[in-house]
Amino acid sequence: MLFNNSPIPVTILSGSLGAGKTTTLNHILSSEQELNAAVLVNDMGEVNVDADLVERESDLTQNDDEIIEMSNGCICCRLRGDMLDEVGRLAEECDFEYLLVESSGISEPIPVAQTFARGFEDAEFDPTGVYELDTMVSVVDAHSFWQAFDSGEALTDDSVDPQGNRVPEEALMDQIEFCDVLLLNKCDLVPEEELNEIEAILKTLQPRAKIIRTEHGAVDPHEILNTGRFNFERASQSAGWKRELQEGHHHDAAADEHGVTSFVFDADRPFHPDRIARLFASLPDGIIRAKGFFWSAGREDVAMGLDKAGQSVRAGPNGTWIASLPKAQQERYLAARPELKENWDEQWGDRGIELVFIGREFDQESLVADLEDCVLSDAEMEEDWTEYPDPFTADEQRELALADD
């Protein structure tokens, strides 16, 4: 179907290993709805088991190129260019009306969405005008979620990607925070009261997505096909932690009822690096998500980032303070974002602390007090910060050792 006037809509399914992506995909393909679709299945392993399952349980075949198998890597990173080359060839050679993409369990959804929405410089094929991203779907294993919160264990049982540094819990949070439709699967394994609590958490993490409860991946195809829900800019701005920073502290009724709370901690002074590193390594288990930027005394050249997803905590260099840029660049930034001038300090500029914490059943007052204790005192503001130890020395974010003894 060589590039007709109607772009081919695309639905992308993300979700951790075992959440039910392939089961959902097979349910859609075997539904009574007439769907002339092609499928791309991404698997981290050398053998693409999921592609074989799709072939066995549907009328599609790999030999006829209705199923594209992409193995031994992720379409969010090393296989992005290869993916575009394959879907470009598919659009030229095959007759189909819809593309379904199942990403690997540790794929980050934003790069995959960017690839379809904006293309990729390492690929010859430009998808814009040929494909149109319609719906981002994330599948969440309700049973694993319930067990994790009930026991304080990790949100996933997946191992770390051997090809990179992504932590599966972080990937799961990315999948939850960047989607149009969130399928809460395996609901038959979780009591109703706990399902309500999980939904409250998910709504706090991703307030924009439509949440649908499913069992065995059974979902009405109309909920994830031709929905027209995808909007890249809106989706990328919709994460619960970002909403808290932009709009301030608030709850909906479901969050209040189930004890899901969130707050913003900010300060115009730096953290003591040693004290805050120890606190980050011992954050309460009830903190589901924490993210933002902070100033570490002695590192005035770089903004530090915090990213807590489930039991994984990562902190380290992750940006640049505007105040550390050359004067001309500073002026351009301030001209483009005049609101920054409201909190601009004559000596320190925009350096400061702005962190969001989302969780359940944790002592917020105690955590705030601990955070305040990590901020430099009046006396410490006068000390030589270069004498302080620096636990954030890596060039990229490092994972802090969680206390397990």
Protein backbone atom coordinates (compact mmCIF):
# COMPACT_ATOMS: atom_id res chain seq x y z
CA MET A 1 0.00 0.00 0.00
CA LEU A 2 2.48 2.58 -1.15
CA PHE A 3 1.88 5.69 0.95
CA ASN A 4 -1.77 6.50 0.24
CA ASN A 5 -3.42 9.68 1.41
CA SER A 6 -4.65 8.24 4.70
CA PRO A 7 -1.95 7.63 7.32
CA ILE A 8 -1.97 4.16 8.87
CA PRO A 9 -3.04 4.43 12.52
CA VAL A 10 -0.74 2.87 15.14
CA THR A 11 -1.48 1.51 18.61
CA ILE A 12 1.52 0.77 20.85
CA LEU A 13 1.26 -1.62 23.80
CA SER A 14 3.74 -1.25 26.66
CA GLY A 15 3.93 -3.06 29.97
CA SER A 16 6.29 -5.04 32.18
CA LEU A 17 7.15 -8.67 31.53
CA GLY A 18 4.17 -10.89 32.28
CA ALA A 19 1.64 -8.05 32.51
CA GLY A 20 -0.41 -9.47 29.63
CA LYS A 21 0.60 -7.48 26.53
CA THR A 22 0.70 -10.49 24.21
CA THR A 23 -2.55 -11.89 25.63
CA THR A 24 -4.22 -8.52 25.03
CA LEU A 25 -2.81 -8.35 21.51
CA ASN A 26 -4.08 -11.83 20.68
CA HIS A 27 -7.50 -10.97 22.09
CA ILE A 28 -7.71 -7.96 19.78
CA LEU A 29 -6.58 -9.95 16.75
CA SER A 30 -9.02 -12.79 17.43
CA SER A 31 -12.02 -10.56 18.14
CA GLU A 32 -15.00 -10.56 15.83
CA GLN A 33 -14.13 -7.08 14.64
CA GLU A 34 -12.75 -7.17 11.11
CA LEU A 35 -9.23 -5.79 11.46
CA ASN A 36 -6.79 -5.77 8.58
CA ALA A 37 -3.70 -5.33 10.74
CA ALA A 38 0.03 -5.85 10.74
CA VAL A 39 1.89 -6.50 13.99
CA LEU A 40 5.39 -5.66 15.22
CA VAL A 41 6.54 -7.60 18.29
CA ASN A 42 9.67 -6.55 20.18
CA ASP A 43 11.38 -8.98 22.56
CA MET A 44 14.62 -8.41 24.47
CA GLY A 45 15.72 -12.04 24.10
CA GLU A 46 17.41 -13.67 21.14
CA VAL A 47 14.28 -15.79 20.56
CA ASN A 48 11.07 -13.81 20.08
CA VAL A 49 8.61 -16.04 21.93
CA ASP A 50 5.83 -13.44 21.83
CA ALA A 51 5.90 -13.26 18.03
CA ASP A 52 5.48 -17.03 17.86
CA LEU A 53 2.52 -16.83 20.25
CA VAL A 54 0.86 -14.15 18.11
CA GLU A 55 1.33 -16.26 15.00
CA ARG A 56 -0.08 -19.41 16.60
CA GLU A 57 -3.15 -17.67 18.03
CA SER A 58 -4.06 -15.46 15.07
CA ASP A 59 -4.42 -15.66 11.30
CA LEU A 60 -1.25 -13.62 10.78
CA THR A 61 2.01 -15.18 9.64
CA GLN A 62 5.64 -14.12 9.86
CA ASN A 63 6.38 -15.59 6.44
CA ASP A 64 3.95 -13.18 4.79
CA ASP A 65 5.38 -10.23 6.74
CA GLU A 66 2.13 -9.55 8.56
CA ILE A 67 4.15 -10.03 11.75
CA ILE A 68 7.51 -8.28 12.17
CA GLU A 69 9.77 -9.87 14.76
CA MET A 70 12.37 -7.63 16.41
CA SER A 71 14.60 -9.39 18.94
CA ASN A 72 17.76 -8.97 20.99
CA GLY A 73 17.21 -5.30 21.81
CA CYS A 74 14.60 -2.62 22.48
CA ILE A 75 12.75 -0.46 19.98
CA CYS A 76 13.14 2.46 22.40
CA CYS A 77 16.93 2.54 21.93
CA ARG A 78 19.23 0.30 19.86
CA LEU A 79 16.46 -0.92 17.50
CA ARG A 80 14.73 2.42 16.78
CA GLY A 81 16.26 2.80 13.34
CA ASP A 82 15.72 -0.85 12.51
CA MET A 83 12.07 -0.56 13.52
CA LEU A 84 11.49 2.36 11.17
CA ASP A 85 13.21 0.57 8.32
CA GLU A 86 10.94 -2.44 8.86
CA VAL A 87 7.66 -0.52 9.12
CA GLY A 88 8.70 1.55 6.09
CA ARG A 89 9.26 -1.62 4.06
CA LEU A 90 5.97 -2.99 5.38
CA ALA A 91 4.06 0.09 4.23
CA GLU A 92 5.55 -0.23 0.74
CA GLU A 93 5.04 -3.96 0.26
CA CYS A 94 1.92 -4.98 2.21
CA ASP A 95 -1.76 -4.11 2.23
CA PHE A 96 -2.96 -3.41 5.76
CA GLU A 97 -5.00 -0.75 7.52
CA TYR A 98 -3.68 -0.76 11.08
CA LEU A 99 -0.34 -1.32 12.81
CA LEU A 100 -0.16 -2.85 16.29
CA VAL A 101 3.17 -2.63 18.13
CA GLU A 102 4.03 -4.66 21.22
CA SER A 103 7.16 -3.25 22.85
CA SER A 104 9.48 -5.16 25.17
CA GLY A 105 8.87 -5.29 28.91
CA ILE A 106 11.58 -2.75 29.67
CA SER A 107 10.93 -0.36 26.79
CA GLU A 108 10.47 3.32 27.51
CA PRO A 109 7.32 4.49 25.72
CA ILE A 110 8.37 8.09 25.04
CA PRO A 111 11.22 7.28 22.60
CA VAL A 112 8.97 4.81 20.78
CA ALA A 113 6.24 7.44 20.48
CA GLN A 114 8.77 10.02 19.29
CA THR A 115 10.01 7.62 16.64
CA PHE A 116 6.56 7.30 15.08
CA ALA A 117 5.52 10.91 15.66
CA ARG A 118 8.76 12.62 14.57
CA GLY A 119 11.01 10.04 12.92
CA PHE A 120 14.57 9.07 13.82
CA GLU A 121 17.77 10.50 12.36
CA ASP A 122 19.49 7.12 11.96
CA ALA A 123 16.71 5.75 9.73
CA GLU A 124 16.08 6.49 6.06
CA PHE A 125 12.31 6.09 6.38
CA ASP A 126 10.28 9.06 7.62
CA PRO A 127 7.03 7.80 9.23
CA THR A 128 5.26 11.16 9.30
CA GLY A 129 2.41 11.21 6.82
CA VAL A 130 2.60 7.43 6.38
CA TYR A 131 1.84 6.39 9.95
CA GLU A 132 -0.14 8.25 12.61
CA LEU A 133 0.21 7.36 16.26
CA ASP A 134 -3.33 6.81 17.52
CA THR A 135 -3.15 5.33 21.03
CA MET A 136 -0.47 4.57 23.63
CA VAL A 137 -1.60 1.65 25.80
CA SER A 138 0.08 0.47 29.01
CA VAL A 139 -0.77 -2.91 30.54
CA VAL A 140 -0.31 -3.17 34.31
CA ASP A 141 -0.32 -6.46 36.23
CA ALA A 142 -2.83 -5.78 39.03
CA HIS A 143 -1.76 -8.85 40.98
CA SER A 144 1.94 -7.90 41.01
CA PHE A 145 1.03 -4.34 41.97
CA TRP A 146 -1.11 -5.58 44.84
CA GLN A 147 1.57 -7.97 46.10
CA ALA A 148 4.23 -5.26 45.94
CA PHE A 149 2.27 -2.77 48.01
CA ASP A 150 1.14 -5.45 50.44
CA SER A 151 4.70 -6.64 51.10
CA GLY A 152 6.83 -3.55 50.44
CA GLU A 153 8.73 -5.45 47.74
CA ALA A 154 9.72 -4.31 44.28
CA LEU A 155 6.91 -3.49 41.85
CA THR A 156 8.26 -5.95 39.27
CA ASP A 157 10.24 -9.16 39.35
CA ASP A 158 12.09 -8.31 36.14
CA SER A 159 15.88 -8.31 36.12
CA VAL A 160 17.94 -5.29 35.05
CA ASP A 161 18.43 -4.96 31.30
CA PRO A 162 21.86 -6.47 30.56
CA GLN A 163 22.29 -4.11 27.62
CA GLY A 164 21.90 -0.91 29.59
CA ASN A 165 21.24 0.74 32.93
CA ARG A 166 17.47 0.91 32.94
CA VAL A 167 15.83 -0.37 36.08
CA PRO A 168 12.54 -2.21 35.37
CA GLU A 169 10.62 -0.31 38.04
CA GLU A 170 11.60 2.93 36.34
CA ALA A 171 10.44 1.55 33.00
CA LEU A 172 7.12 0.56 34.59
CA MET A 173 6.63 4.10 35.92
CA ASP A 174 7.45 5.53 32.50
CA GLN A 175 4.83 3.24 30.98
CA ILE A 176 2.22 4.32 33.53
CA GLU A 177 2.98 8.03 33.25
CA PHE A 178 3.00 8.14 29.45
CA CYS A 179 -0.12 6.51 28.07
CA ASP A 180 -3.60 7.27 26.80
CA VAL A 181 -5.24 4.05 27.99
CA LEU A 182 -4.14 2.03 31.01
CA LEU A 183 -5.28 -1.61 31.13
CA LEU A 184 -5.32 -2.95 34.68
CA ASN A 185 -5.02 -6.66 33.86
CA LYS A 186 -5.41 -9.84 35.97
CA CYS A 187 -8.14 -8.17 38.02
CA ASP A 188 -9.63 -11.60 38.75
CA LEU A 189 -6.68 -12.25 41.07
CA VAL A 190 -7.17 -9.16 43.25
CA PRO A 191 -10.00 -8.34 45.72
CA GLU A 192 -12.28 -5.44 44.81
CA GLU A 193 -11.14 -3.22 47.69
CA GLU A 194 -7.50 -3.57 46.66
CA LEU A 195 -8.38 -2.90 43.02
CA ASN A 196 -9.96 0.40 44.07
CA GLU A 197 -6.77 1.30 45.93
CA ILE A 198 -4.56 0.42 42.96
CA GLU A 199 -6.75 2.54 40.69
CA ALA A 200 -6.39 5.49 43.07
CA ILE A 201 -2.60 5.16 42.88
CA LEU A 202 -2.63 4.90 39.10
CA LYS A 203 -4.91 7.94 38.77
CA THR A 204 -2.49 9.94 40.89
CA LEU A 205 0.49 8.85 38.79
CA GLN A 206 -1.35 9.37 35.49
CA PRO A 207 -4.46 11.54 35.85
CA ARG A 208 -5.17 11.80 32.11
CA ALA A 209 -5.32 8.15 31.04
CA LYS A 210 -8.50 6.10 30.78
CA ILE A 211 -8.20 3.14 33.18
CA ILE A 212 -9.90 -0.11 32.15
CA ARG A 213 -10.00 -3.26 34.27
CA THR A 214 -9.39 -6.46 32.34
CA GLU A 215 -9.09 -10.19 32.93
CA HIS A 216 -6.93 -12.36 30.67
CA GLY A 217 -6.29 -9.35 28.43
CA ALA A 218 -9.91 -9.19 27.27
CA VAL A 219 -10.66 -5.60 26.23
CA ASP A 220 -13.13 -4.11 23.77
CA PRO A 221 -11.02 -3.35 20.64
CA HIS A 222 -12.72 0.04 20.33
CA GLU A 223 -11.05 1.10 23.59
CA ILE A 224 -7.54 0.96 22.09
CA LEU A 225 -8.05 1.16 18.29
CA ASN A 226 -8.89 4.33 16.37
CA THR A 227 -9.43 6.30 19.56
CA GLY A 228 -7.67 9.46 18.38
CA ARG A 229 -6.45 9.92 21.94
CA PHE A 230 -2.74 10.43 21.31
CA ASN A 231 -1.31 13.92 21.57
CA PHE A 232 2.45 13.94 22.19
CA GLU A 233 2.75 17.30 23.92
CA ARG A 234 -0.24 16.68 26.17
CA ALA A 235 0.87 13.16 27.00
CA SER A 236 4.41 14.21 27.89
CA GLN A 237 3.10 16.85 30.28
CA SER A 238 0.53 14.69 32.05
CA ALA A 239 2.56 12.72 34.61
CA GLY A 240 1.26 13.11 38.14
CA TRP A 241 4.56 14.35 39.54
CA LYS A 242 4.81 17.05 36.86
CA ARG A 243 1.22 18.12 37.49
CA GLU A 244 2.04 18.55 41.17
CA LEU A 245 4.95 20.84 40.34
CA GLN A 246 2.90 22.92 37.92
CA GLU A 247 -0.46 23.07 39.67
CA GLY A 248 0.30 22.47 43.34
CA HIS A 249 -0.94 19.97 45.88
CA HIS A 250 -4.41 18.48 45.38
CA HIS A 251 -6.29 15.20 45.51
CA ASP A 252 -9.35 13.69 43.97
CA ALA A 253 -11.89 11.78 46.04
CA ALA A 254 -10.52 8.35 45.11
CA ALA A 255 -7.01 9.31 46.16
CA ASP A 256 -8.23 10.70 49.47
CA GLU A 257 -10.32 7.62 50.20
CA HIS A 258 -7.42 5.23 49.63
CA GLY A 259 -4.69 7.18 51.34
CA VAL A 260 -2.73 8.22 48.26
CA THR A 261 -1.02 11.50 49.06
CA SER A 262 1.50 13.74 47.39
CA PHE A 263 3.45 16.86 48.27
CA VAL A 264 6.11 19.17 46.87
CA PHE A 265 9.25 19.94 48.83
CA ASP A 266 11.09 23.08 47.76
CA ALA A 267 13.85 25.26 49.16
CA ASP A 268 16.16 28.02 47.93
CA ARG A 269 19.18 26.53 49.72
CA PRO A 270 21.21 23.41 48.87
CA PHE A 271 21.09 20.01 50.48
CA HIS A 272 24.11 18.78 52.42
CA PRO A 273 25.30 16.06 49.98
CA ASP A 274 26.10 13.40 52.55
CA ARG A 275 22.91 13.84 54.56
CA ILE A 276 20.60 13.86 51.55
CA ALA A 277 22.30 10.83 49.97
CA ARG A 278 21.68 8.86 53.17
CA LEU A 279 18.05 10.00 53.28
CA PHE A 280 17.44 9.08 49.63
CA ALA A 281 18.81 5.60 50.34
CA SER A 282 16.30 5.11 53.17
CA LEU A 283 13.10 6.71 51.88
CA PRO A 284 9.92 5.10 53.24
CA ASP A 285 8.60 2.06 51.35
CA GLY A 286 5.29 3.90 51.03
CA ILE A 287 6.83 6.41 48.63
CA ILE A 288 5.81 5.09 45.21
CA ARG A 289 7.22 7.91 43.14
CA ALA A 290 9.65 10.77 43.74
CA LYS A 291 11.10 12.99 41.09
CA GLY A 292 12.57 16.44 40.55
CA PHE A 293 15.74 18.50 40.80
CA PHE A 294 17.90 19.53 43.73
CA TRP A 295 20.98 21.59 44.54
CA SER A 296 23.81 19.70 46.23
CA ALA A 297 26.25 21.97 48.09
CA GLY A 298 29.60 21.97 46.37
CA ARG A 299 28.16 21.16 42.94
CA GLU A 300 26.96 24.58 41.87
CA ASP A 301 27.79 23.74 38.26
CA VAL A 302 25.08 21.12 37.77
CA ALA A 303 21.50 20.37 38.78
CA MET A 304 21.04 17.01 40.47
CA GLY A 305 18.08 14.82 39.64
CA LEU A 306 16.09 12.43 41.85
CA ASP A 307 14.10 9.55 40.36
CA LYS A 308 12.43 7.03 42.69
CA ALA A 309 10.23 4.39 41.10
CA GLY A 310 9.01 1.74 43.49
CA GLN A 311 12.03 0.42 45.36
CA SER A 312 14.57 1.87 42.90
CA VAL A 313 16.18 5.18 43.85
CA ARG A 314 18.53 6.99 41.48
CA ALA A 315 20.16 10.37 42.06
CA GLY A 316 22.93 12.29 40.35
CA PRO A 317 23.83 14.97 37.78
CA ASN A 318 20.86 15.54 35.53
CA GLY A 319 20.80 19.08 34.16
CA THR A 320 22.22 22.58 34.16
CA TRP A 321 21.25 25.57 36.26
CA ILE A 322 20.48 28.60 34.13
CA ALA A 323 22.67 30.63 36.51
CA SER A 324 25.69 28.54 35.53
CA LEU A 325 25.35 29.42 31.82
CA PRO A 326 27.15 32.30 30.07
CA LYS A 327 25.42 35.65 30.53
CA ALA A 328 24.07 35.78 26.97
CA GLN A 329 22.44 32.36 27.30
CA GLN A 330 20.98 33.29 30.66
CA GLU A 331 19.33 36.33 29.15
CA ARG A 332 17.82 34.26 26.33
CA TYR A 333 16.35 31.77 28.82
CA LEU A 334 14.95 34.50 31.04
CA ALA A 335 13.46 36.31 28.07
CA ALA A 336 11.71 33.12 26.98
CA ARG A 337 10.56 32.24 30.51
CA PRO A 338 10.05 35.53 32.39
CA GLU A 339 8.35 33.71 35.30
CA LEU A 340 11.80 32.50 36.36
CA LYS A 341 12.73 36.04 37.36
CA GLU A 342 10.17 35.94 40.20
CA ASN A 343 12.32 33.52 42.22
CA TRP A 344 15.71 34.52 40.86
CA ASP A 345 18.32 35.00 43.59
CA GLU A 346 20.96 37.68 43.00
CA GLN A 347 23.75 35.39 44.20
CA TRP A 348 22.53 31.89 43.32
CA GLY A 349 20.13 32.47 40.45
CA ASP A 350 17.71 29.58 39.87
CA ARG A 351 19.57 27.06 42.05
CA GLY A 352 17.31 25.40 44.57
CA ILE A 353 15.27 22.30 45.40
CA GLU A 354 11.98 21.17 43.87
CA LEU A 355 10.97 17.57 44.51
CA VAL A 356 7.62 15.76 44.28
CA PHE A 357 6.74 12.77 46.46
CA ILE A 358 3.74 10.50 45.78
CA GLY A 359 2.87 7.59 48.05
CA ARG A 360 0.56 5.90 50.50
CA GLU A 361 0.70 5.10 54.21
CA PHE A 362 3.81 7.12 55.00
CA ASP A 363 4.46 9.80 57.60
CA GLN A 364 4.57 12.99 55.54
CA GLU A 365 5.41 15.26 58.47
CA SER A 366 8.34 13.07 59.45
CA LEU A 367 9.65 12.93 55.86
CA VAL A 368 9.36 16.71 55.47
CA ALA A 369 11.27 17.17 58.75
CA ASP A 370 13.99 14.80 57.52
CA LEU A 371 14.26 16.71 54.24
CA GLU A 372 14.49 20.01 56.10
CA ASP A 373 17.30 18.57 58.25
CA CYS A 374 19.22 17.87 55.03
CA VAL A 375 19.07 21.52 53.93
CA LEU A 376 22.11 23.59 54.94
CA SER A 377 21.78 25.57 58.16
CA ASP A 378 22.71 29.25 58.45
CA ALA A 379 26.14 28.26 59.78
CA GLU A 380 26.70 25.75 57.00
CA MET A 381 25.85 28.37 54.38
CA GLU A 382 29.04 30.14 55.47
CA GLU A 383 31.27 27.05 55.32
CA ASP A 384 33.60 25.95 52.52
CA TRP A 385 31.39 23.52 50.59
CA THR A 386 34.34 22.12 48.65
CA GLU A 387 35.28 20.31 51.86
CA TYR A 388 32.04 18.33 51.78
CA PRO A 389 32.06 14.72 50.53
CA ASP A 390 30.38 14.27 47.14
CA PRO A 391 28.34 11.06 46.77
CA PHE A 392 27.09 12.19 43.33
CA THR A 393 30.33 12.00 41.37
CA ALA A 394 29.29 9.80 38.45
CA ASP A 395 28.78 11.41 35.05
CA GLU A 396 25.32 9.89 34.89
CA GLN A 397 22.72 9.04 37.51
CA ARG A 398 23.78 6.18 39.72
CA GLU A 399 21.57 3.90 41.75
CA LEU A 400 21.82 4.46 45.47
CA ALA A 401 22.31 1.36 47.57
CA LEU A 402 19.10 0.65 49.42
CA ALA A 403 19.52 -0.50 52.98
CA ASP A 404 18.78 -4.22 53.06
CA ASP A 405 20.40 -5.27 56.31
